[in-house]
Amino acid sequence: MRGAFITGTDTGVGKTVLGAALAASLAATGLRVRVRKPVESGCAPGQAGLLPADAAALRQAAGAWEQLQRVCHFPLQAPVSPQRAAELAGLQLHIADLVSACRVGIEERDFLLAEGAGGFYAPLAADGLNADLAVSLGLPVVLVVADRLGCLNHALLSAEAIAHRGLRLTGVVLSRLSPKPDPQMDNLRDLRHHLGAPVTLLSFEHSAGASSPPEAHLSAVAALVVSLTA
């Protein structure tokens, strides 16, 4: 199965922004991209039920040709970890449920772009973490890191955890949450030095709430698209 698993060093670091840019760029190459965020917490109630905003953004970027319920099978309301949100909703999710939700409808020629929730070791279900879902899917991993002070430790710990789980880290993406980071920092250079692995390192501005990925994001992920489809 072709695809990628998007994870982060934390919540709110720009996974969905990166995922939307990747989905749009991959679809532009002619691939049939199926995006999946199998569980999403913090969903606002709407007329048709809970609205998973991240999953909706991924779906739109991929071409909006699948139903939102298939992109996100388990929308949850409480703005806490999916494991806790499921418990508060009276549900007990298991990693197997999330794996099934990711794989439903996938055909041999499809490209599966799956996004976790929170950091790589964040609790995702009653019996596992994001890491366990990634291992079950067996996809190359893209790690999103907020470009800020302290991110080097988070990125290196996450990279080590990904390797420890036997997964291939195919890209590390620096998401710039502030338009004016400290000019004395150069996290891109430092990560390239310390990781030492053949990974793609990118940097782009985070712009939450956009209806579609801006051209700058699409250009930034071009090298990552090449590595994922090689």
C-alpha atoms as a PDB file:
ATOM      1  CA  MET A   1       0.000   0.000   0.000  1.00  0.00           C
ATOM      2  CA  ARG A   2       1.415   3.371  -1.024  1.00  0.00           C
ATOM      3  CA  GLY A   3       1.042   6.248   1.369  1.00  0.00           C
ATOM      4  CA  ALA A   4       2.365   8.211   4.321  1.00  0.00           C
ATOM      5  CA  PHE A   5       1.531   8.701   7.980  1.00  0.00           C
ATOM      6  CA  ILE A   6       1.661  12.288   9.233  1.00  0.00           C
ATOM      7  CA  THR A   7       2.538  12.782  12.872  1.00  0.00           C
ATOM      8  CA  GLY A   8       3.904  15.617  14.970  1.00  0.00           C
ATOM      9  CA  THR A   9       5.978  16.461  17.984  1.00  0.00           C
ATOM     10  CA  ASP A  10       2.874  17.884  19.677  1.00  0.00           C
ATOM     11  CA  THR A  11      -0.661  19.039  19.037  1.00  0.00           C
ATOM     12  CA  GLY A  12      -1.210  22.231  17.058  1.00  0.00           C
ATOM     13  CA  VAL A  13       2.124  22.111  15.242  1.00  0.00           C
ATOM     14  CA  GLY A  14       0.686  22.199  11.714  1.00  0.00           C
ATOM     15  CA  LYS A  15       0.038  18.554  10.787  1.00  0.00           C
ATOM     16  CA  THR A  16      -3.180  19.359   8.966  1.00  0.00           C
ATOM     17  CA  VAL A  17      -1.655  22.345   7.157  1.00  0.00           C
ATOM     18  CA  LEU A  18       1.101  20.052   5.906  1.00  0.00           C
ATOM     19  CA  GLY A  19      -1.369  17.247   5.192  1.00  0.00           C
ATOM     20  CA  ALA A  20      -3.563  19.509   3.068  1.00  0.00           C
ATOM     21  CA  ALA A  21      -0.576  20.720   1.061  1.00  0.00           C
ATOM     22  CA  LEU A  22       0.585  17.140   0.512  1.00  0.00           C
ATOM     23  CA  ALA A  23      -2.888  15.944  -0.452  1.00  0.00           C
ATOM     24  CA  ALA A  24      -3.318  18.707  -3.029  1.00  0.00           C
ATOM     25  CA  SER A  25       0.190  18.227  -4.431  1.00  0.00           C
ATOM     26  CA  LEU A  26      -0.122  14.445  -4.663  1.00  0.00           C
ATOM     27  CA  ALA A  27      -3.524  14.722  -6.336  1.00  0.00           C
ATOM     28  CA  ALA A  28      -2.041  17.157  -8.855  1.00  0.00           C
ATOM     29  CA  THR A  29       0.378  14.429  -9.981  1.00  0.00           C
ATOM     30  CA  GLY A  30      -2.583  12.268 -11.011  1.00  0.00           C
ATOM     31  CA  LEU A  31      -2.651  10.036  -7.937  1.00  0.00           C
ATOM     32  CA  ARG A  32      -5.964   9.093  -6.378  1.00  0.00           C
ATOM     33  CA  VAL A  33      -5.345  10.337  -2.850  1.00  0.00           C
ATOM     34  CA  ARG A  34      -7.454   9.010  -0.021  1.00  0.00           C
ATOM     35  CA  VAL A  35      -7.037  11.092   3.117  1.00  0.00           C
ATOM     36  CA  ARG A  36      -7.821   9.661   6.544  1.00  0.00           C
ATOM     37  CA  LYS A  37      -7.936  11.183  10.005  1.00  0.00           C
ATOM     38  CA  PRO A  38      -9.700   8.230  11.638  1.00  0.00           C
ATOM     39  CA  VAL A  39     -10.384   9.973  14.942  1.00  0.00           C
ATOM     40  CA  GLU A  40     -10.547  13.682  15.718  1.00  0.00           C
ATOM     41  CA  SER A  41     -11.380  15.276  19.053  1.00  0.00           C
ATOM     42  CA  GLY A  42     -12.471  18.850  19.691  1.00  0.00           C
ATOM     43  CA  CYS A  43     -15.170  18.681  17.005  1.00  0.00           C
ATOM     44  CA  ALA A  44     -17.870  21.357  17.110  1.00  0.00           C
ATOM     45  CA  PRO A  45     -21.522  20.282  16.914  1.00  0.00           C
ATOM     46  CA  GLY A  46     -23.372  21.173  13.717  1.00  0.00           C
ATOM     47  CA  GLN A  47     -26.677  20.462  11.995  1.00  0.00           C
ATOM     48  CA  ALA A  48     -25.394  17.151  10.630  1.00  0.00           C
ATOM     49  CA  GLY A  49     -23.576  16.166  13.835  1.00  0.00           C
ATOM     50  CA  LEU A  50     -20.035  16.771  14.976  1.00  0.00           C
ATOM     51  CA  LEU A  51     -17.817  18.513  12.419  1.00  0.00           C
ATOM     52  CA  PRO A  52     -14.172  17.325  12.290  1.00  0.00           C
ATOM     53  CA  ALA A  53     -12.537  20.505  10.958  1.00  0.00           C
ATOM     54  CA  ASP A  54      -9.104  18.971  10.302  1.00  0.00           C
ATOM     55  CA  ALA A  55     -10.599  16.058   8.388  1.00  0.00           C
ATOM     56  CA  ALA A  56     -12.749  18.479   6.387  1.00  0.00           C
ATOM     57  CA  ALA A  57      -9.657  20.474   5.395  1.00  0.00           C
ATOM     58  CA  LEU A  58      -7.848  17.307   4.299  1.00  0.00           C
ATOM     59  CA  ARG A  59     -10.889  16.142   2.336  1.00  0.00           C
ATOM     60  CA  GLN A  60     -11.190  19.485   0.541  1.00  0.00           C
ATOM     61  CA  ALA A  61      -7.498  19.520  -0.376  1.00  0.00           C
ATOM     62  CA  ALA A  62      -7.714  15.993  -1.799  1.00  0.00           C
ATOM     63  CA  GLY A  63     -10.592  16.945  -4.096  1.00  0.00           C
ATOM     64  CA  ALA A  64     -13.606  16.366  -1.834  1.00  0.00           C
ATOM     65  CA  TRP A  65     -14.586  13.217  -3.696  1.00  0.00           C
ATOM     66  CA  GLU A  66     -15.100  11.048  -0.609  1.00  0.00           C
ATOM     67  CA  GLN A  67     -17.664  11.484   2.146  1.00  0.00           C
ATOM     68  CA  LEU A  68     -16.411  13.244   5.266  1.00  0.00           C
ATOM     69  CA  GLN A  69     -17.556  10.301   7.394  1.00  0.00           C
ATOM     70  CA  ARG A  70     -15.115   8.094   5.522  1.00  0.00           C
ATOM     71  CA  VAL A  71     -12.255  10.548   6.049  1.00  0.00           C
ATOM     72  CA  CYS A  72     -12.999  10.768   9.777  1.00  0.00           C
ATOM     73  CA  HIS A  73     -14.978   7.825  11.088  1.00  0.00           C
ATOM     74  CA  PHE A  74     -14.826   8.850  14.751  1.00  0.00           C
ATOM     75  CA  PRO A  75     -15.452  12.569  15.389  1.00  0.00           C
ATOM     76  CA  LEU A  76     -15.433  13.394  19.113  1.00  0.00           C
ATOM     77  CA  GLN A  77     -16.503  16.563  20.893  1.00  0.00           C
ATOM     78  CA  ALA A  78     -14.267  16.983  23.959  1.00  0.00           C
ATOM     79  CA  PRO A  79     -11.059  18.975  23.183  1.00  0.00           C
ATOM     80  CA  VAL A  80      -8.786  16.432  24.836  1.00  0.00           C
ATOM     81  CA  SER A  81      -6.863  13.374  23.649  1.00  0.00           C
ATOM     82  CA  PRO A  82      -8.949  11.038  21.467  1.00  0.00           C
ATOM     83  CA  GLN A  83      -8.625   8.312  24.086  1.00  0.00           C
ATOM     84  CA  ARG A  84     -10.081  10.592  26.790  1.00  0.00           C
ATOM     85  CA  ALA A  85     -12.669  12.122  24.456  1.00  0.00           C
ATOM     86  CA  ALA A  86     -13.921   8.656  23.515  1.00  0.00           C
ATOM     87  CA  GLU A  87     -14.237   7.690  27.172  1.00  0.00           C
ATOM     88  CA  LEU A  88     -16.208  10.870  27.889  1.00  0.00           C
ATOM     89  CA  ALA A  89     -18.519  10.004  24.989  1.00  0.00           C
ATOM     90  CA  GLY A  90     -19.061   6.490  26.347  1.00  0.00           C
ATOM     91  CA  LEU A  91     -17.008   4.842  23.600  1.00  0.00           C
ATOM     92  CA  GLN A  92     -14.017   2.531  23.758  1.00  0.00           C
ATOM     93  CA  LEU A  93     -11.872   2.857  20.684  1.00  0.00           C
ATOM     94  CA  HIS A  94      -9.175   0.344  19.817  1.00  0.00           C
ATOM     95  CA  ILE A  95      -6.273   0.625  17.395  1.00  0.00           C
ATOM     96  CA  ALA A  96      -7.890  -2.078  15.261  1.00  0.00           C
ATOM     97  CA  ASP A  97     -10.948   0.168  14.845  1.00  0.00           C
ATOM     98  CA  LEU A  98      -8.764   3.011  13.615  1.00  0.00           C
ATOM     99  CA  VAL A  99      -6.800   0.763  11.263  1.00  0.00           C
ATOM    100  CA  SER A 100     -10.047  -0.473   9.735  1.00  0.00           C
ATOM    101  CA  ALA A 101     -11.290   3.120   9.394  1.00  0.00           C
ATOM    102  CA  CYS A 102      -8.084   4.048   7.538  1.00  0.00           C
ATOM    103  CA  ARG A 103      -8.181   1.075   5.189  1.00  0.00           C
ATOM    104  CA  VAL A 104     -11.866   1.046   4.258  1.00  0.00           C
ATOM    105  CA  GLY A 105     -12.309   1.700   0.558  1.00  0.00           C
ATOM    106  CA  ILE A 106      -8.581   1.649  -0.197  1.00  0.00           C
ATOM    107  CA  GLU A 107      -7.685   0.085  -3.530  1.00  0.00           C
ATOM    108  CA  GLU A 108      -4.318  -1.026  -4.865  1.00  0.00           C
ATOM    109  CA  ARG A 109      -3.701   2.081  -6.967  1.00  0.00           C
ATOM    110  CA  ASP A 110      -4.640   4.540  -4.206  1.00  0.00           C
ATOM    111  CA  PHE A 111      -2.300   6.671  -2.125  1.00  0.00           C
ATOM    112  CA  LEU A 112      -3.283   6.634   1.558  1.00  0.00           C
ATOM    113  CA  LEU A 113      -2.455   9.824   3.444  1.00  0.00           C
ATOM    114  CA  ALA A 114      -3.265   9.248   7.119  1.00  0.00           C
ATOM    115  CA  GLU A 115      -2.959  11.828   9.880  1.00  0.00           C
ATOM    116  CA  GLY A 116      -2.685  11.035  13.556  1.00  0.00           C
ATOM    117  CA  ALA A 117      -3.823  13.204  16.461  1.00  0.00           C
ATOM    118  CA  GLY A 118      -1.277  14.984  18.616  1.00  0.00           C
ATOM    119  CA  GLY A 119       2.279  13.768  19.021  1.00  0.00           C
ATOM    120  CA  PHE A 120       3.714  10.405  18.007  1.00  0.00           C
ATOM    121  CA  TYR A 121       3.388   8.992  21.533  1.00  0.00           C
ATOM    122  CA  ALA A 122       0.072  10.683  22.343  1.00  0.00           C
ATOM    123  CA  PRO A 123      -2.726   8.302  23.476  1.00  0.00           C
ATOM    124  CA  LEU A 124      -5.028   7.574  20.566  1.00  0.00           C
ATOM    125  CA  ALA A 125      -7.181   4.646  21.685  1.00  0.00           C
ATOM    126  CA  ALA A 126      -7.823   2.508  24.735  1.00  0.00           C
ATOM    127  CA  ASP A 127      -5.057   0.117  23.731  1.00  0.00           C
ATOM    128  CA  GLY A 128      -2.502   2.265  22.000  1.00  0.00           C
ATOM    129  CA  LEU A 129      -0.808   5.427  20.831  1.00  0.00           C
ATOM    130  CA  ASN A 130      -0.366   7.188  17.505  1.00  0.00           C
ATOM    131  CA  ALA A 131       2.787   5.105  17.224  1.00  0.00           C
ATOM    132  CA  ASP A 132       0.739   1.902  17.320  1.00  0.00           C
ATOM    133  CA  LEU A 133      -1.528   3.078  14.518  1.00  0.00           C
ATOM    134  CA  ALA A 134       1.512   4.032  12.438  1.00  0.00           C
ATOM    135  CA  VAL A 135       3.074   0.602  12.971  1.00  0.00           C
ATOM    136  CA  SER A 136      -0.180  -1.153  12.060  1.00  0.00           C
ATOM    137  CA  LEU A 137      -0.446   0.805   8.814  1.00  0.00           C
ATOM    138  CA  GLY A 138       3.248   0.337   8.046  1.00  0.00           C
ATOM    139  CA  LEU A 139       3.559   3.586   6.102  1.00  0.00           C
ATOM    140  CA  PRO A 140       6.550   5.934   5.821  1.00  0.00           C
ATOM    141  CA  VAL A 141       6.319   8.685   8.441  1.00  0.00           C
ATOM    142  CA  VAL A 142       6.373  12.452   7.975  1.00  0.00           C
ATOM    143  CA  LEU A 143       7.137  14.339  11.187  1.00  0.00           C
ATOM    144  CA  VAL A 144       5.887  17.915  11.634  1.00  0.00           C
ATOM    145  CA  VAL A 145       7.836  20.103  14.053  1.00  0.00           C
ATOM    146  CA  ALA A 146       6.951  23.607  15.234  1.00  0.00           C
ATOM    147  CA  ASP A 147       9.844  25.926  14.378  1.00  0.00           C
ATOM    148  CA  ARG A 148      10.428  27.363  17.849  1.00  0.00           C
ATOM    149  CA  LEU A 149      12.793  27.249  20.785  1.00  0.00           C
ATOM    150  CA  GLY A 150      12.897  23.733  22.243  1.00  0.00           C
ATOM    151  CA  CYS A 151      11.845  21.953  19.059  1.00  0.00           C
ATOM    152  CA  LEU A 152      15.195  20.248  18.540  1.00  0.00           C
ATOM    153  CA  ASN A 153      14.720  18.078  21.622  1.00  0.00           C
ATOM    154  CA  HIS A 154      11.153  17.224  20.615  1.00  0.00           C
ATOM    155  CA  ALA A 155      12.142  16.433  17.048  1.00  0.00           C
ATOM    156  CA  LEU A 156      15.099  14.232  17.954  1.00  0.00           C
ATOM    157  CA  LEU A 157      13.114  12.325  20.576  1.00  0.00           C
ATOM    158  CA  SER A 158      10.306  11.742  18.065  1.00  0.00           C
ATOM    159  CA  ALA A 159      12.734  10.659  15.338  1.00  0.00           C
ATOM    160  CA  GLU A 160      14.301   8.154  17.727  1.00  0.00           C
ATOM    161  CA  ALA A 161      10.873   6.825  18.714  1.00  0.00           C
ATOM    162  CA  ILE A 162       9.900   6.413  15.053  1.00  0.00           C
ATOM    163  CA  ALA A 163      13.093   4.466  14.356  1.00  0.00           C
ATOM    164  CA  HIS A 164      12.585   2.382  17.511  1.00  0.00           C
ATOM    165  CA  ARG A 165       9.185   1.311  16.157  1.00  0.00           C
ATOM    166  CA  GLY A 166      10.823   0.106  12.947  1.00  0.00           C
ATOM    167  CA  LEU A 167       9.304   2.806  10.751  1.00  0.00           C
ATOM    168  CA  ARG A 168      10.969   4.862   8.039  1.00  0.00           C
ATOM    169  CA  LEU A 169      11.157   8.593   8.680  1.00  0.00           C
ATOM    170  CA  THR A 170      10.848  10.023   5.192  1.00  0.00           C
ATOM    171  CA  GLY A 171      10.432  13.704   5.987  1.00  0.00           C
ATOM    172  CA  VAL A 172      10.799  16.243   8.770  1.00  0.00           C
ATOM    173  CA  VAL A 173       8.837  19.423   8.186  1.00  0.00           C
ATOM    174  CA  LEU A 174       9.425  22.593  10.171  1.00  0.00           C
ATOM    175  CA  SER A 175       6.140  24.451  10.553  1.00  0.00           C
ATOM    176  CA  ARG A 176       6.778  28.129  11.234  1.00  0.00           C
ATOM    177  CA  LEU A 177       4.072  29.197  13.667  1.00  0.00           C
ATOM    178  CA  SER A 178       5.406  32.732  13.973  1.00  0.00           C
ATOM    179  CA  PRO A 179       6.167  34.892  10.932  1.00  0.00           C
ATOM    180  CA  LYS A 180       9.241  36.312  12.685  1.00  0.00           C
ATOM    181  CA  PRO A 181      11.200  33.612  14.540  1.00  0.00           C
ATOM    182  CA  ASP A 182      14.277  34.569  16.509  1.00  0.00           C
ATOM    183  CA  PRO A 183      16.907  35.360  13.835  1.00  0.00           C
ATOM    184  CA  GLN A 184      19.555  33.723  16.026  1.00  0.00           C
ATOM    185  CA  MET A 185      17.861  30.322  15.646  1.00  0.00           C
ATOM    186  CA  ASP A 186      18.417  28.052  12.654  1.00  0.00           C
ATOM    187  CA  ASN A 187      16.440  24.930  13.507  1.00  0.00           C
ATOM    188  CA  LEU A 188      16.481  23.781   9.896  1.00  0.00           C
ATOM    189  CA  ARG A 189      20.277  23.654   9.810  1.00  0.00           C
ATOM    190  CA  ASP A 190      20.539  22.164  13.296  1.00  0.00           C
ATOM    191  CA  LEU A 191      18.065  19.385  12.554  1.00  0.00           C
ATOM    192  CA  ARG A 192      19.883  18.551   9.336  1.00  0.00           C
ATOM    193  CA  HIS A 193      23.096  18.257  11.346  1.00  0.00           C
ATOM    194  CA  HIS A 194      21.740  16.166  14.221  1.00  0.00           C
ATOM    195  CA  LEU A 195      19.363  13.837  12.395  1.00  0.00           C
ATOM    196  CA  GLY A 196      22.000  12.609   9.999  1.00  0.00           C
ATOM    197  CA  ALA A 197      19.350  10.559   8.178  1.00  0.00           C
ATOM    198  CA  PRO A 198      18.386  11.063   4.519  1.00  0.00           C
ATOM    199  CA  VAL A 199      15.235  13.007   5.315  1.00  0.00           C
ATOM    200  CA  THR A 200      13.593  15.914   3.561  1.00  0.00           C
ATOM    201  CA  LEU A 201      13.619  19.061   5.671  1.00  0.00           C
ATOM    202  CA  LEU A 202      11.230  21.849   4.759  1.00  0.00           C
ATOM    203  CA  SER A 203      10.071  25.078   6.301  1.00  0.00           C
ATOM    204  CA  PHE A 204       6.844  26.926   5.601  1.00  0.00           C
ATOM    205  CA  GLU A 205       4.553  29.431   7.254  1.00  0.00           C
ATOM    206  CA  HIS A 206       1.601  28.046   9.199  1.00  0.00           C
ATOM    207  CA  SER A 207      -1.687  29.678   8.184  1.00  0.00           C
ATOM    208  CA  ALA A 208      -4.560  28.007  10.001  1.00  0.00           C
ATOM    209  CA  GLY A 209      -8.079  28.416   8.670  1.00  0.00           C
ATOM    210  CA  ALA A 210      -7.228  28.697   4.971  1.00  0.00           C
ATOM    211  CA  SER A 211      -9.791  27.050   2.699  1.00  0.00           C
ATOM    212  CA  SER A 212      -7.073  25.607   0.450  1.00  0.00           C
ATOM    213  CA  PRO A 213      -3.280  25.280   0.670  1.00  0.00           C
ATOM    214  CA  PRO A 214      -1.535  28.449  -0.604  1.00  0.00           C
ATOM    215  CA  GLU A 215       0.881  28.175  -3.498  1.00  0.00           C
ATOM    216  CA  ALA A 216       3.820  28.663  -1.146  1.00  0.00           C
ATOM    217  CA  HIS A 217       2.863  25.481   0.712  1.00  0.00           C
ATOM    218  CA  LEU A 218       2.479  23.497  -2.492  1.00  0.00           C
ATOM    219  CA  SER A 219       5.915  24.605  -3.642  1.00  0.00           C
ATOM    220  CA  ALA A 220       7.460  23.794  -0.267  1.00  0.00           C
ATOM    221  CA  VAL A 221       6.310  20.174  -0.294  1.00  0.00           C
ATOM    222  CA  ALA A 222       7.418  19.437  -3.867  1.00  0.00           C
ATOM    223  CA  ALA A 223      10.586  17.617  -2.742  1.00  0.00           C
ATOM    224  CA  LEU A 224       8.636  15.612  -0.190  1.00  0.00           C
ATOM    225  CA  VAL A 225       6.109  14.564  -2.837  1.00  0.00           C
ATOM    226  CA  VAL A 226       8.964  13.278  -4.981  1.00  0.00           C
ATOM    227  CA  SER A 227      10.378  11.199  -2.102  1.00  0.00           C
ATOM    228  CA  LEU A 228       6.966   9.736  -1.276  1.00  0.00           C
ATOM    229  CA  THR A 229       6.196   8.729  -4.845  1.00  0.00           C
ATOM    230  CA  ALA A 230       9.639   7.522  -5.920  1.00  0.00           C
END
